[in-house]
Amino acid sequence: MNSLLLTAGLVMQAGPAYDHHHPVFVPALRHAVIVAPPHRPAAVSVEEFARCFRPTAGRHSEWVIHPITHQPVEICFDLPHGSPRVEVNRRSLEFDFGRREVGIQFLPNGTVDVRYRN
């Protein structure tokens, strides 16, 4: 016959084969905890991002579909003041501000490389 003893938040399990010299302690469950995954905004293609994004000065964090892996990836970048010309090709996105450029490259391993050129 099994019996459970609650002591200081721990449950001691005892039964017919109970060994007084080596008791087994397991954590007592008081409440079930469910952890939801963090909410992530929907990702868009790089082409759609370039078409809809309005470049403003400051830090940006956006989700796009990686053109090589086809998985959502977050791109984080800083833009200077000005009105850039935006160029998109199969594996990169570039904001050209004349004397300054911000280049975003999509690498084959699924990561993103952001480079700033003056």
N, C-alpha and C. Protein backbone atom coordinates (compact mmCIF):
# COMPACT_ATOMS: atom_id res chain seq x y z
N MET A 1 0.84 -1.18 0.00
CA MET A 1 0.00 0.00 0.00
C MET A 1 0.89 1.24 0.00
N ASN A 2 0.69 2.14 -1.02
CA ASN A 2 1.50 3.36 -1.13
C ASN A 2 0.92 4.47 -0.26
N SER A 3 1.77 5.27 0.33
CA SER A 3 1.33 6.46 1.04
C SER A 3 2.25 7.61 0.65
N LEU A 4 1.71 8.84 0.64
CA LEU A 4 2.48 10.03 0.29
C LEU A 4 2.54 10.95 1.49
N LEU A 5 3.70 11.46 1.79
CA LEU A 5 3.88 12.39 2.90
C LEU A 5 4.34 13.73 2.33
N LEU A 6 3.64 14.80 2.66
CA LEU A 6 4.00 16.14 2.19
C LEU A 6 4.84 16.82 3.26
N THR A 7 6.09 17.16 2.90
CA THR A 7 6.98 17.79 3.85
C THR A 7 7.73 18.92 3.15
N ALA A 8 7.50 20.15 3.55
CA ALA A 8 8.22 21.33 3.05
C ALA A 8 8.20 21.40 1.52
N GLY A 9 7.03 21.17 0.93
CA GLY A 9 6.92 21.30 -0.52
C GLY A 9 7.44 20.11 -1.30
N LEU A 10 7.84 19.06 -0.63
CA LEU A 10 8.32 17.86 -1.32
C LEU A 10 7.40 16.70 -0.97
N VAL A 11 7.29 15.79 -1.87
CA VAL A 11 6.49 14.59 -1.64
C VAL A 11 7.44 13.43 -1.43
N MET A 12 7.26 12.69 -0.33
CA MET A 12 8.07 11.51 -0.10
C MET A 12 7.19 10.31 -0.43
N GLN A 13 7.66 9.51 -1.32
CA GLN A 13 6.89 8.36 -1.77
C GLN A 13 7.30 7.15 -0.95
N ALA A 14 6.29 6.47 -0.39
CA ALA A 14 6.58 5.28 0.41
C ALA A 14 5.68 4.15 -0.05
N GLY A 15 6.19 2.96 -0.06
CA GLY A 15 5.40 1.82 -0.49
C GLY A 15 5.94 0.56 0.14
N PRO A 16 5.52 -0.59 -0.37
CA PRO A 16 5.96 -1.85 0.21
C PRO A 16 7.46 -2.03 0.16
N ALA A 17 8.11 -1.52 -0.87
CA ALA A 17 9.57 -1.68 -1.00
C ALA A 17 10.29 -0.45 -0.46
N TYR A 18 9.67 0.30 0.44
CA TYR A 18 10.25 1.53 0.97
C TYR A 18 11.52 1.24 1.76
N ASP A 19 12.58 1.97 1.42
CA ASP A 19 13.87 1.81 2.10
C ASP A 19 14.04 2.99 3.05
N HIS A 20 14.04 2.76 4.36
CA HIS A 20 14.13 3.84 5.35
C HIS A 20 15.44 4.59 5.27
N HIS A 21 16.45 4.01 4.67
CA HIS A 21 17.76 4.67 4.59
C HIS A 21 17.89 5.54 3.35
N HIS A 22 17.08 5.30 2.31
CA HIS A 22 17.17 6.05 1.05
C HIS A 22 15.77 6.43 0.56
N PRO A 23 15.13 7.41 1.22
CA PRO A 23 13.80 7.82 0.76
C PRO A 23 13.90 8.53 -0.60
N VAL A 24 12.83 8.49 -1.35
CA VAL A 24 12.78 9.13 -2.67
C VAL A 24 11.93 10.39 -2.55
N PHE A 25 12.51 11.54 -2.86
CA PHE A 25 11.78 12.80 -2.82
C PHE A 25 11.53 13.29 -4.23
N VAL A 26 10.32 13.70 -4.53
CA VAL A 26 9.97 14.30 -5.82
C VAL A 26 9.27 15.63 -5.54
N PRO A 27 9.45 16.64 -6.39
CA PRO A 27 8.81 17.94 -6.16
C PRO A 27 7.28 17.80 -6.16
N ALA A 28 6.63 18.48 -5.24
CA ALA A 28 5.16 18.47 -5.19
C ALA A 28 4.64 19.50 -6.19
N LEU A 29 3.67 19.14 -6.97
CA LEU A 29 3.06 20.06 -7.94
C LEU A 29 1.91 20.79 -7.27
N ARG A 30 2.00 22.08 -7.22
CA ARG A 30 0.93 22.88 -6.63
C ARG A 30 0.04 23.46 -7.74
N HIS A 31 0.65 23.95 -8.81
CA HIS A 31 -0.09 24.55 -9.92
C HIS A 31 0.56 24.11 -11.22
N ALA A 32 -0.25 23.85 -12.20
CA ALA A 32 0.29 23.55 -13.52
C ALA A 32 0.69 24.87 -14.17
N VAL A 33 1.87 24.89 -14.77
CA VAL A 33 2.36 26.09 -15.44
C VAL A 33 2.49 25.78 -16.92
N ILE A 34 1.82 26.59 -17.73
CA ILE A 34 1.90 26.43 -19.18
C ILE A 34 2.60 27.66 -19.72
N VAL A 35 3.68 27.43 -20.45
CA VAL A 35 4.45 28.53 -21.03
C VAL A 35 4.14 28.59 -22.52
N ALA A 36 3.58 29.69 -22.95
CA ALA A 36 3.26 29.87 -24.36
C ALA A 36 4.48 30.44 -25.08
N PRO A 37 4.70 30.04 -26.33
CA PRO A 37 5.82 30.62 -27.07
C PRO A 37 5.57 32.10 -27.30
N PRO A 38 6.64 32.90 -27.40
CA PRO A 38 6.45 34.34 -27.61
C PRO A 38 5.75 34.60 -28.93
N HIS A 39 4.93 35.64 -28.94
CA HIS A 39 4.22 36.01 -30.16
C HIS A 39 5.20 36.62 -31.16
N ARG A 40 5.14 36.16 -32.37
CA ARG A 40 6.01 36.68 -33.41
C ARG A 40 5.13 37.21 -34.55
N PRO A 41 5.37 38.42 -35.02
CA PRO A 41 4.57 38.94 -36.12
C PRO A 41 4.76 38.09 -37.37
N ALA A 42 3.79 38.15 -38.25
CA ALA A 42 3.88 37.38 -39.50
C ALA A 42 5.04 37.90 -40.35
N ALA A 43 5.77 36.98 -40.95
CA ALA A 43 6.89 37.35 -41.81
C ALA A 43 6.40 37.50 -43.24
N VAL A 44 7.05 38.40 -43.97
CA VAL A 44 6.72 38.64 -45.38
C VAL A 44 7.96 38.35 -46.22
N SER A 45 7.78 38.23 -47.51
CA SER A 45 8.93 38.01 -48.39
C SER A 45 9.81 39.26 -48.40
N VAL A 46 11.05 39.09 -48.79
CA VAL A 46 11.98 40.23 -48.86
C VAL A 46 11.47 41.26 -49.87
N GLU A 47 10.94 40.80 -50.99
CA GLU A 47 10.42 41.70 -52.01
C GLU A 47 9.24 42.51 -51.49
N GLU A 48 8.33 41.84 -50.77
CA GLU A 48 7.19 42.54 -50.21
C GLU A 48 7.62 43.52 -49.13
N PHE A 49 8.60 43.12 -48.32
CA PHE A 49 9.13 44.02 -47.31
C PHE A 49 9.70 45.29 -47.95
N ALA A 50 10.51 45.12 -49.00
CA ALA A 50 11.12 46.27 -49.67
C ALA A 50 10.06 47.18 -50.29
N ARG A 51 9.00 46.59 -50.79
CA ARG A 51 7.94 47.37 -51.43
C ARG A 51 7.12 48.15 -50.41
N CYS A 52 6.86 47.59 -49.23
CA CYS A 52 5.97 48.20 -48.24
C CYS A 52 6.68 48.99 -47.13
N PHE A 53 7.94 48.73 -46.90
CA PHE A 53 8.68 49.36 -45.80
C PHE A 53 8.94 50.83 -46.10
N ARG A 54 8.65 51.68 -45.14
CA ARG A 54 8.94 53.12 -45.25
C ARG A 54 10.15 53.41 -44.39
N PRO A 55 11.32 53.60 -45.00
CA PRO A 55 12.55 53.79 -44.23
C PRO A 55 12.54 55.12 -43.46
N THR A 56 12.69 55.01 -42.16
CA THR A 56 12.82 56.18 -41.30
C THR A 56 14.10 56.03 -40.49
N ALA A 57 14.63 57.13 -40.03
CA ALA A 57 15.86 57.09 -39.24
C ALA A 57 15.61 56.35 -37.94
N GLY A 58 16.57 55.54 -37.54
CA GLY A 58 16.48 54.84 -36.27
C GLY A 58 16.64 53.34 -36.40
N ARG A 59 16.39 52.65 -35.29
CA ARG A 59 16.55 51.18 -35.21
C ARG A 59 15.27 50.50 -35.69
N HIS A 60 15.46 49.45 -36.46
CA HIS A 60 14.34 48.68 -36.99
C HIS A 60 14.56 47.20 -36.71
N SER A 61 13.47 46.50 -36.44
CA SER A 61 13.49 45.05 -36.24
C SER A 61 12.28 44.50 -36.98
N GLU A 62 12.52 43.70 -38.00
CA GLU A 62 11.45 43.21 -38.86
C GLU A 62 11.62 41.72 -39.11
N TRP A 63 10.52 41.01 -39.37
CA TRP A 63 10.54 39.59 -39.70
C TRP A 63 10.28 39.42 -41.19
N VAL A 64 11.15 38.68 -41.86
CA VAL A 64 10.99 38.38 -43.29
C VAL A 64 11.21 36.88 -43.51
N ILE A 65 10.80 36.41 -44.66
CA ILE A 65 11.05 35.04 -45.04
C ILE A 65 12.43 34.99 -45.68
N HIS A 66 13.32 34.21 -45.11
CA HIS A 66 14.69 34.08 -45.64
C HIS A 66 14.59 33.51 -47.06
N PRO A 67 15.16 34.19 -48.06
CA PRO A 67 14.99 33.75 -49.45
C PRO A 67 15.67 32.42 -49.78
N ILE A 68 16.58 31.96 -48.95
CA ILE A 68 17.27 30.69 -49.24
C ILE A 68 16.64 29.54 -48.46
N THR A 69 16.41 29.74 -47.15
CA THR A 69 15.87 28.67 -46.31
C THR A 69 14.34 28.65 -46.28
N HIS A 70 13.73 29.77 -46.68
CA HIS A 70 12.27 29.93 -46.67
C HIS A 70 11.70 29.83 -45.25
N GLN A 71 12.50 30.19 -44.25
CA GLN A 71 12.08 30.21 -42.86
C GLN A 71 12.04 31.66 -42.38
N PRO A 72 11.16 31.99 -41.41
CA PRO A 72 11.14 33.36 -40.88
C PRO A 72 12.47 33.68 -40.20
N VAL A 73 12.95 34.89 -40.43
CA VAL A 73 14.19 35.36 -39.80
C VAL A 73 14.00 36.83 -39.44
N GLU A 74 14.56 37.22 -38.30
CA GLU A 74 14.46 38.60 -37.87
C GLU A 74 15.67 39.38 -38.40
N ILE A 75 15.39 40.54 -39.00
CA ILE A 75 16.48 41.43 -39.42
C ILE A 75 16.42 42.68 -38.54
N CYS A 76 17.54 43.04 -37.97
CA CYS A 76 17.65 44.21 -37.12
C CYS A 76 18.70 45.13 -37.72
N PHE A 77 18.36 46.40 -37.91
CA PHE A 77 19.29 47.32 -38.56
C PHE A 77 18.95 48.75 -38.16
N ASP A 78 19.94 49.64 -38.31
CA ASP A 78 19.78 51.07 -38.04
C ASP A 78 19.89 51.82 -39.35
N LEU A 79 19.01 52.80 -39.52
CA LEU A 79 19.06 53.63 -40.72
C LEU A 79 19.35 55.08 -40.33
N PRO A 80 20.17 55.78 -41.14
CA PRO A 80 20.42 57.21 -40.90
C PRO A 80 19.25 58.04 -41.46
N HIS A 81 19.34 59.34 -41.23
CA HIS A 81 18.34 60.25 -41.80
C HIS A 81 18.53 60.32 -43.31
N GLY A 82 17.46 60.55 -44.03
CA GLY A 82 17.54 60.69 -45.47
C GLY A 82 16.53 59.82 -46.19
N SER A 83 16.53 59.94 -47.51
CA SER A 83 15.64 59.15 -48.35
C SER A 83 16.48 58.20 -49.19
N PRO A 84 16.50 56.94 -48.85
CA PRO A 84 17.37 56.01 -49.56
C PRO A 84 16.72 55.47 -50.84
N ARG A 85 17.58 55.02 -51.70
CA ARG A 85 17.15 54.20 -52.84
C ARG A 85 17.25 52.76 -52.33
N VAL A 86 16.20 51.99 -52.51
CA VAL A 86 16.17 50.62 -52.00
C VAL A 86 16.36 49.66 -53.17
N GLU A 87 17.35 48.79 -53.04
CA GLU A 87 17.63 47.78 -54.07
C GLU A 87 17.45 46.39 -53.47
N VAL A 88 16.77 45.53 -54.21
CA VAL A 88 16.54 44.17 -53.75
C VAL A 88 17.00 43.22 -54.84
N ASN A 89 17.73 42.19 -54.45
CA ASN A 89 17.99 41.09 -55.39
C ASN A 89 17.74 39.79 -54.65
N ARG A 90 18.10 38.70 -55.24
CA ARG A 90 17.72 37.39 -54.70
C ARG A 90 18.22 37.16 -53.28
N ARG A 91 19.42 37.63 -52.94
CA ARG A 91 19.99 37.33 -51.62
C ARG A 91 20.39 38.56 -50.82
N SER A 92 19.93 39.74 -51.21
CA SER A 92 20.30 40.91 -50.44
C SER A 92 19.28 42.03 -50.57
N LEU A 93 19.41 42.96 -49.64
CA LEU A 93 18.58 44.15 -49.59
C LEU A 93 19.52 45.29 -49.25
N GLU A 94 19.42 46.39 -49.99
CA GLU A 94 20.35 47.50 -49.74
C GLU A 94 19.61 48.82 -49.71
N PHE A 95 19.94 49.62 -48.68
CA PHE A 95 19.43 50.98 -48.56
C PHE A 95 20.60 51.91 -48.90
N ASP A 96 20.49 52.64 -50.01
CA ASP A 96 21.57 53.51 -50.48
C ASP A 96 21.18 54.96 -50.20
N PHE A 97 21.91 55.60 -49.28
CA PHE A 97 21.66 56.98 -48.90
C PHE A 97 22.63 57.93 -49.58
N GLY A 98 23.28 57.52 -50.63
CA GLY A 98 24.30 58.34 -51.29
C GLY A 98 25.66 58.04 -50.69
N ARG A 99 26.04 58.80 -49.67
CA ARG A 99 27.35 58.57 -49.03
C ARG A 99 27.31 57.41 -48.04
N ARG A 100 26.15 57.01 -47.63
CA ARG A 100 26.01 55.91 -46.66
C ARG A 100 25.16 54.80 -47.25
N GLU A 101 25.49 53.58 -46.90
CA GLU A 101 24.72 52.41 -47.34
C GLU A 101 24.52 51.45 -46.18
N VAL A 102 23.37 50.81 -46.16
CA VAL A 102 23.09 49.74 -45.22
C VAL A 102 22.75 48.52 -46.06
N GLY A 103 23.59 47.49 -45.97
CA GLY A 103 23.39 46.28 -46.75
C GLY A 103 22.99 45.10 -45.88
N ILE A 104 21.98 44.37 -46.31
CA ILE A 104 21.52 43.19 -45.58
C ILE A 104 21.67 42.00 -46.51
N GLN A 105 22.51 41.05 -46.12
CA GLN A 105 22.75 39.85 -46.93
C GLN A 105 22.13 38.64 -46.24
N PHE A 106 21.47 37.80 -47.01
CA PHE A 106 20.88 36.57 -46.51
C PHE A 106 21.83 35.42 -46.85
N LEU A 107 22.41 34.83 -45.83
CA LEU A 107 23.43 33.81 -46.01
C LEU A 107 22.82 32.41 -46.15
N PRO A 108 23.52 31.50 -46.84
CA PRO A 108 22.99 30.15 -47.08
C PRO A 108 22.66 29.35 -45.81
N ASN A 109 23.30 29.68 -44.67
CA ASN A 109 23.04 28.93 -43.43
C ASN A 109 21.80 29.43 -42.69
N GLY A 110 21.05 30.38 -43.28
CA GLY A 110 19.83 30.86 -42.67
C GLY A 110 19.99 32.11 -41.82
N THR A 111 21.20 32.63 -41.71
CA THR A 111 21.43 33.83 -40.92
C THR A 111 21.43 35.07 -41.82
N VAL A 112 21.57 36.21 -41.19
CA VAL A 112 21.54 37.50 -41.88
C VAL A 112 22.78 38.29 -41.46
N ASP A 113 23.42 38.94 -42.43
CA ASP A 113 24.59 39.77 -42.17
C ASP A 113 24.24 41.20 -42.54
N VAL A 114 24.33 42.12 -41.57
CA VAL A 114 24.02 43.55 -41.81
C VAL A 114 25.34 44.29 -41.80
N ARG A 115 25.58 45.07 -42.85
CA ARG A 115 26.83 45.85 -42.95
C ARG A 115 26.50 47.31 -43.22
N TYR A 116 27.32 48.16 -42.61
CA TYR A 116 27.17 49.61 -42.75
C TYR A 116 28.39 50.14 -43.47
N ARG A 117 28.17 50.90 -44.54
CA ARG A 117 29.28 51.49 -45.31
C ARG A 117 29.14 52.99 -45.36
N ASN A 118 30.24 53.69 -45.09
CA ASN A 118 30.27 55.16 -45.19
C ASN A 118 30.98 55.60 -46.44
